[in-house]
C-alpha atoms as a PDB file:
ATOM      1  CA  UNK A   1      31.478  44.578  14.180  1.00  0.00           C
ATOM      2  CA  UNK A   2      30.846  41.476  12.469  1.00  0.00           C
ATOM      3  CA  UNK A   3      29.160  39.335  14.219  1.00  0.00           C
ATOM      4  CA  UNK A   4      26.395  42.044  15.335  1.00  0.00           C
ATOM      5  CA  UNK A   5      25.806  42.731  12.019  1.00  0.00           C
ATOM      6  CA  UNK A   6      25.388  38.789  10.774  1.00  0.00           C
ATOM      7  CA  UNK A   7      23.392  38.591  14.225  1.00  0.00           C
ATOM      8  CA  UNK A   8      20.675  41.106  13.158  1.00  0.00           C
ATOM      9  CA  UNK A   9      20.262  40.122   9.707  1.00  0.00           C
ATOM     10  CA  UNK A  10      20.595  36.271  10.395  1.00  0.00           C
ATOM     11  CA  UNK A  11      22.922  35.719   7.332  1.00  0.00           C
ATOM     12  CA  UNK A  12      23.656  31.918   7.324  1.00  0.00           C
ATOM     13  CA  UNK A  13      24.653  29.365  10.354  1.00  0.00           C
ATOM     14  CA  UNK A  14      27.682  31.315  10.821  1.00  0.00           C
ATOM     15  CA  UNK A  15      30.257  28.418   9.621  1.00  0.00           C
ATOM     16  CA  UNK A  16      31.704  30.388   6.379  1.00  0.00           C
ATOM     17  CA  UNK A  17      32.283  33.916   6.647  1.00  0.00           C
ATOM     18  CA  UNK A  18      34.727  35.990   6.049  1.00  0.00           C
ATOM     19  CA  UNK A  19      38.169  36.076   7.313  1.00  0.00           C
ATOM     20  CA  UNK A  20      39.641  39.739   6.497  1.00  0.00           C
ATOM     21  CA  UNK A  21      38.257  43.288   7.867  1.00  0.00           C
ATOM     22  CA  UNK A  22      37.727  44.288   4.334  1.00  0.00           C
ATOM     23  CA  UNK A  23      35.853  40.745   3.734  1.00  0.00           C
ATOM     24  CA  UNK A  24      33.980  41.390   7.117  1.00  0.00           C
ATOM     25  CA  UNK A  25      33.531  45.009   5.963  1.00  0.00           C
ATOM     26  CA  UNK A  26      31.488  45.004   2.639  1.00  0.00           C
ATOM     27  CA  UNK A  27      29.770  41.321   3.675  1.00  0.00           C
ATOM     28  CA  UNK A  28      28.002  43.698   6.822  1.00  0.00           C
ATOM     29  CA  UNK A  29      27.407  46.573   3.753  1.00  0.00           C
ATOM     30  CA  UNK A  30      25.494  43.826   1.482  1.00  0.00           C
ATOM     31  CA  UNK A  31      23.670  42.108   4.387  1.00  0.00           C
ATOM     32  CA  UNK A  32      22.464  45.409   5.344  1.00  0.00           C
ATOM     33  CA  UNK A  33      21.679  46.558   1.652  1.00  0.00           C
ATOM     34  CA  UNK A  34      19.806  43.344   1.243  1.00  0.00           C
ATOM     35  CA  UNK A  35      17.561  43.684   4.493  1.00  0.00           C
ATOM     36  CA  UNK A  36      16.859  47.274   3.121  1.00  0.00           C
ATOM     37  CA  UNK A  37      16.056  45.588  -0.593  1.00  0.00           C
ATOM     38  CA  UNK A  38      13.225  44.087   0.995  1.00  0.00           C
ATOM     39  CA  UNK A  39      11.872  45.886   4.171  1.00  0.00           C
ATOM     40  CA  UNK A  40      12.396  49.807   2.741  1.00  0.00           C
ATOM     41  CA  UNK A  41       9.519  49.090  -0.133  1.00  0.00           C
ATOM     42  CA  UNK A  42       7.555  46.279   1.900  1.00  0.00           C
ATOM     43  CA  UNK A  43       7.132  48.968   4.945  1.00  0.00           C
ATOM     44  CA  UNK A  44       6.079  51.775   2.118  1.00  0.00           C
ATOM     45  CA  UNK A  45       3.889  49.718   0.665  1.00  0.00           C
ATOM     46  CA  UNK A  46       1.923  48.400   3.761  1.00  0.00           C
ATOM     47  CA  UNK A  47       1.853  52.444   4.518  1.00  0.00           C
ATOM     48  CA  UNK A  48      -0.307  53.199   1.325  1.00  0.00           C
ATOM     49  CA  UNK A  49      -2.504  49.689   1.535  1.00  0.00           C
ATOM     50  CA  UNK A  50      -3.096  50.977   5.182  1.00  0.00           C
ATOM     51  CA  UNK A  51      -3.587  54.571   4.126  1.00  0.00           C
ATOM     52  CA  UNK A  52      -6.083  53.418   1.173  1.00  0.00           C
ATOM     53  CA  UNK A  53      -8.387  50.914   3.620  1.00  0.00           C
ATOM     54  CA  UNK A  54      -8.782  53.736   6.274  1.00  0.00           C
ATOM     55  CA  UNK A  55      -9.981  56.501   4.653  1.00  0.00           C
ATOM     56  CA  UNK A  56     -13.752  56.404   4.779  1.00  0.00           C
ATOM     57  CA  UNK A  57     -15.786  54.833   2.077  1.00  0.00           C
ATOM     58  CA  UNK A  58     -18.521  57.297   2.066  1.00  0.00           C
ATOM     59  CA  UNK A  59     -20.466  60.115   0.676  1.00  0.00           C
ATOM     60  CA  UNK A  60     -22.801  62.667   1.337  1.00  0.00           C
ATOM     61  CA  UNK A  61     -25.613  63.090  -1.350  1.00  0.00           C
ATOM     62  CA  UNK A  62     -29.301  65.328  -0.500  1.00  0.00           C
ATOM     63  CA  UNK A  63     -32.106  63.240  -0.070  1.00  0.00           C
ATOM     64  CA  UNK A  64     -34.380  64.915  -3.638  1.00  0.00           C
ATOM     65  CA  UNK A  65     -37.591  64.987  -1.431  1.00  0.00           C
ATOM     66  CA  UNK A  66     -36.981  66.597   1.854  1.00  0.00           C
ATOM     67  CA  UNK A  67     -33.018  67.694   1.657  1.00  0.00           C
ATOM     68  CA  UNK A  68     -31.678  65.468   4.034  1.00  0.00           C
ATOM     69  CA  UNK A  69     -27.975  64.840   4.177  1.00  0.00           C
ATOM     70  CA  UNK A  70     -27.553  60.441   3.656  1.00  0.00           C
ATOM     71  CA  UNK A  71     -24.516  58.706   3.993  1.00  0.00           C
ATOM     72  CA  UNK A  72     -23.659  56.259   1.470  1.00  0.00           C
ATOM     73  CA  UNK A  73     -21.269  53.576   1.890  1.00  0.00           C
ATOM     74  CA  UNK A  74     -19.652  53.288  -1.228  1.00  0.00           C
ATOM     75  CA  UNK A  75     -17.307  50.052  -0.431  1.00  0.00           C
ATOM     76  CA  UNK A  76     -17.396  47.306  -2.265  1.00  0.00           C
END
């Protein structure tokens, strides 16, 4: 199990690794938490960025002379 976690999290070159089962367990948990510390916030930020930029940036106004609806792009 340790080698699977080390491979998935790409931790080091394999030259230094825990020997005891408890050390391997703690190392695996720390590796997964370390990935989660960066991966989860990055996904949340990217999702918010995509939501913000995918929304339509137009408003609908009426022409003061004839009353027809006009789309106005408000992107900057």
